[in-house]
Amino acid sequence: MSSQDGMTCYFSDLEPIFQHADKDQASRRLIIGMLHVTNKISQKRLTEVFKVHRNTVSSTSAQFRAKGMASFFEKKTGRGRTVLTPKIIESGIQLLAEGKSQRGAAKVLG
């Protein structure tokens, strides 16, 4: 592995095998998973070279096995922004006044 001019390059037997921008975390995670799954480098060595926790190696390997290369570049979906409208705030206050816990009120309000 070599980093120069903002690019990281990976080598196998002195031949470059993959290159990505230093800031490209998806490609970095892909390489970690791929190297572990193909038995090129042990989990322990990957944690040392990439300075990541062993759970990171395990999760990237599992992701690579289950979903393949493309999964590392898919747009992550989230729940979206929570918008507290005046109506939701009023309902929340009412639920708390009725004795509901914060967690209980949040569950009711969604």
C-alpha atoms as a PDB file:
ATOM      1  CA  MET A   1       0.000   0.000   0.000  1.00  0.00           C
ATOM      2  CA  SER A   2       1.324   3.420  -0.908  1.00  0.00           C
ATOM      3  CA  SER A   3      -0.163   6.887  -0.541  1.00  0.00           C
ATOM      4  CA  GLN A   4       1.019   9.737  -2.739  1.00  0.00           C
ATOM      5  CA  ASP A   5      -0.549  12.893  -4.183  1.00  0.00           C
ATOM      6  CA  GLY A   6      -3.879  12.231  -2.488  1.00  0.00           C
ATOM      7  CA  MET A   7      -4.173   8.712  -3.912  1.00  0.00           C
ATOM      8  CA  THR A   8      -3.761   5.344  -2.193  1.00  0.00           C
ATOM      9  CA  CYS A   9      -2.461   2.461  -4.290  1.00  0.00           C
ATOM     10  CA  TYR A  10      -2.448  -1.233  -3.334  1.00  0.00           C
ATOM     11  CA  PHE A  11       0.126  -3.693  -4.636  1.00  0.00           C
ATOM     12  CA  SER A  12       0.389  -7.454  -5.009  1.00  0.00           C
ATOM     13  CA  ASP A  13       3.755  -8.906  -6.024  1.00  0.00           C
ATOM     14  CA  LEU A  14       4.985  -5.404  -6.911  1.00  0.00           C
ATOM     15  CA  GLU A  15       2.066  -4.885  -9.311  1.00  0.00           C
ATOM     16  CA  PRO A  16      -0.607  -2.247  -8.568  1.00  0.00           C
ATOM     17  CA  ILE A  17      -4.002  -3.879  -8.100  1.00  0.00           C
ATOM     18  CA  PHE A  18      -6.270  -1.015  -7.006  1.00  0.00           C
ATOM     19  CA  GLN A  19      -6.153   2.726  -6.493  1.00  0.00           C
ATOM     20  CA  HIS A  20      -8.489   5.270  -4.913  1.00  0.00           C
ATOM     21  CA  ALA A  21      -8.513   8.791  -3.485  1.00  0.00           C
ATOM     22  CA  ASP A  22      -7.254   8.994   0.103  1.00  0.00           C
ATOM     23  CA  LYS A  23     -10.627  10.334   1.246  1.00  0.00           C
ATOM     24  CA  ASP A  24     -12.622   7.526  -0.426  1.00  0.00           C
ATOM     25  CA  GLN A  25     -13.694   5.524   2.628  1.00  0.00           C
ATOM     26  CA  ALA A  26     -16.016   3.229   0.655  1.00  0.00           C
ATOM     27  CA  SER A  27     -13.121   1.974  -1.484  1.00  0.00           C
ATOM     28  CA  ARG A  28     -10.945   1.580   1.593  1.00  0.00           C
ATOM     29  CA  ARG A  29     -13.614  -0.547   3.285  1.00  0.00           C
ATOM     30  CA  LEU A  30     -14.038  -2.576   0.083  1.00  0.00           C
ATOM     31  CA  ILE A  31     -10.313  -3.377  -0.051  1.00  0.00           C
ATOM     32  CA  ILE A  32     -10.251  -4.392   3.620  1.00  0.00           C
ATOM     33  CA  GLY A  33     -13.169  -6.784   3.102  1.00  0.00           C
ATOM     34  CA  MET A  34     -11.842  -8.156  -0.176  1.00  0.00           C
ATOM     35  CA  LEU A  35      -8.344  -8.807   1.159  1.00  0.00           C
ATOM     36  CA  HIS A  36      -9.764 -10.667   4.154  1.00  0.00           C
ATOM     37  CA  VAL A  37     -12.350 -12.704   2.223  1.00  0.00           C
ATOM     38  CA  THR A  38      -9.823 -13.823  -0.395  1.00  0.00           C
ATOM     39  CA  ASN A  39      -7.399 -14.862   2.364  1.00  0.00           C
ATOM     40  CA  LYS A  40      -4.701 -12.524   1.070  1.00  0.00           C
ATOM     41  CA  ILE A  41      -4.084 -10.939   4.487  1.00  0.00           C
ATOM     42  CA  SER A  42      -5.035 -12.099   7.977  1.00  0.00           C
ATOM     43  CA  GLN A  43      -7.484 -10.153  10.107  1.00  0.00           C
ATOM     44  CA  LYS A  44      -4.753  -9.305  12.595  1.00  0.00           C
ATOM     45  CA  ARG A  45      -2.466  -7.923   9.884  1.00  0.00           C
ATOM     46  CA  LEU A  46      -5.307  -5.880   8.348  1.00  0.00           C
ATOM     47  CA  THR A  47      -6.026  -4.267  11.718  1.00  0.00           C
ATOM     48  CA  GLU A  48      -2.363  -3.307  12.000  1.00  0.00           C
ATOM     49  CA  VAL A  49      -1.904  -1.999   8.453  1.00  0.00           C
ATOM     50  CA  PHE A  50      -5.192  -0.107   8.174  1.00  0.00           C
ATOM     51  CA  LYS A  51      -5.335   0.885  11.859  1.00  0.00           C
ATOM     52  CA  VAL A  52      -8.906  -0.352  12.244  1.00  0.00           C
ATOM     53  CA  HIS A  53     -10.655  -2.456  14.883  1.00  0.00           C
ATOM     54  CA  ARG A  54     -11.058  -6.162  14.156  1.00  0.00           C
ATOM     55  CA  ASN A  55     -14.839  -5.644  14.105  1.00  0.00           C
ATOM     56  CA  THR A  56     -14.364  -3.363  11.096  1.00  0.00           C
ATOM     57  CA  VAL A  57     -12.553  -6.165   9.279  1.00  0.00           C
ATOM     58  CA  SER A  58     -15.316  -8.612  10.218  1.00  0.00           C
ATOM     59  CA  SER A  59     -18.148  -6.312   9.148  1.00  0.00           C
ATOM     60  CA  THR A  60     -16.550  -5.366   5.827  1.00  0.00           C
ATOM     61  CA  SER A  61     -15.842  -9.044   5.113  1.00  0.00           C
ATOM     62  CA  ALA A  62     -19.427  -9.994   5.911  1.00  0.00           C
ATOM     63  CA  GLN A  63     -20.732  -7.171   3.730  1.00  0.00           C
ATOM     64  CA  PHE A  64     -18.471  -8.238   0.847  1.00  0.00           C
ATOM     65  CA  ARG A  65     -19.616 -11.876   1.104  1.00  0.00           C
ATOM     66  CA  ALA A  66     -23.312 -11.076   1.458  1.00  0.00           C
ATOM     67  CA  LYS A  67     -23.789  -8.143  -0.907  1.00  0.00           C
ATOM     68  CA  GLY A  68     -20.696  -7.904  -3.112  1.00  0.00           C
ATOM     69  CA  MET A  69     -18.587  -4.986  -4.255  1.00  0.00           C
ATOM     70  CA  ALA A  70     -21.438  -2.712  -5.289  1.00  0.00           C
ATOM     71  CA  SER A  71     -22.799  -2.584  -1.741  1.00  0.00           C
ATOM     72  CA  PHE A  72     -19.857  -0.464  -0.614  1.00  0.00           C
ATOM     73  CA  PHE A  73     -20.887   2.300  -3.020  1.00  0.00           C
ATOM     74  CA  GLU A  74     -24.659   2.280  -2.533  1.00  0.00           C
ATOM     75  CA  LYS A  75     -26.210   5.411  -1.166  1.00  0.00           C
ATOM     76  CA  LYS A  76     -27.017   4.908   2.478  1.00  0.00           C
ATOM     77  CA  THR A  77     -30.665   5.256   3.326  1.00  0.00           C
ATOM     78  CA  GLY A  78     -31.757   6.708   6.585  1.00  0.00           C
ATOM     79  CA  ARG A  79     -34.908   7.568   8.280  1.00  0.00           C
ATOM     80  CA  GLY A  80     -34.755  11.197   7.190  1.00  0.00           C
ATOM     81  CA  ARG A  81     -35.092  14.341   9.208  1.00  0.00           C
ATOM     82  CA  THR A  82     -37.474  14.458  12.109  1.00  0.00           C
ATOM     83  CA  VAL A  83     -39.647  17.529  11.878  1.00  0.00           C
ATOM     84  CA  LEU A  84     -41.271  18.782  15.041  1.00  0.00           C
ATOM     85  CA  THR A  85     -44.368  20.598  13.908  1.00  0.00           C
ATOM     86  CA  PRO A  86     -46.389  22.612  16.419  1.00  0.00           C
ATOM     87  CA  LYS A  87     -49.017  19.831  16.383  1.00  0.00           C
ATOM     88  CA  ILE A  88     -46.433  17.136  17.251  1.00  0.00           C
ATOM     89  CA  ILE A  89     -44.935  19.313  19.998  1.00  0.00           C
ATOM     90  CA  GLU A  90     -48.383  19.880  21.474  1.00  0.00           C
ATOM     91  CA  SER A  91     -49.153  16.140  21.358  1.00  0.00           C
ATOM     92  CA  GLY A  92     -45.803  15.388  23.008  1.00  0.00           C
ATOM     93  CA  ILE A  93     -46.421  17.822  25.821  1.00  0.00           C
ATOM     94  CA  GLN A  94     -49.875  16.308  26.358  1.00  0.00           C
ATOM     95  CA  LEU A  95     -48.474  12.758  26.492  1.00  0.00           C
ATOM     96  CA  LEU A  96     -45.804  13.797  29.009  1.00  0.00           C
ATOM     97  CA  ALA A  97     -48.448  15.562  31.105  1.00  0.00           C
ATOM     98  CA  GLU A  98     -50.485  12.327  31.121  1.00  0.00           C
ATOM     99  CA  GLY A  99     -47.497  10.551  32.667  1.00  0.00           C
ATOM    100  CA  LYS A 100     -45.938   8.916  29.633  1.00  0.00           C
ATOM    101  CA  SER A 101     -42.148   8.576  29.681  1.00  0.00           C
ATOM    102  CA  GLN A 102     -40.102  10.375  27.037  1.00  0.00           C
ATOM    103  CA  ARG A 103     -39.488   7.056  25.332  1.00  0.00           C
ATOM    104  CA  GLY A 104     -43.190   6.169  25.472  1.00  0.00           C
ATOM    105  CA  ALA A 105     -44.225   9.542  24.040  1.00  0.00           C
ATOM    106  CA  ALA A 106     -41.631   9.248  21.272  1.00  0.00           C
ATOM    107  CA  LYS A 107     -42.921   5.801  20.378  1.00  0.00           C
ATOM    108  CA  VAL A 108     -46.500   7.044  20.192  1.00  0.00           C
ATOM    109  CA  LEU A 109     -45.519  10.031  18.066  1.00  0.00           C
ATOM    110  CA  GLY A 110     -43.343   7.949  15.757  1.00  0.00           C
END
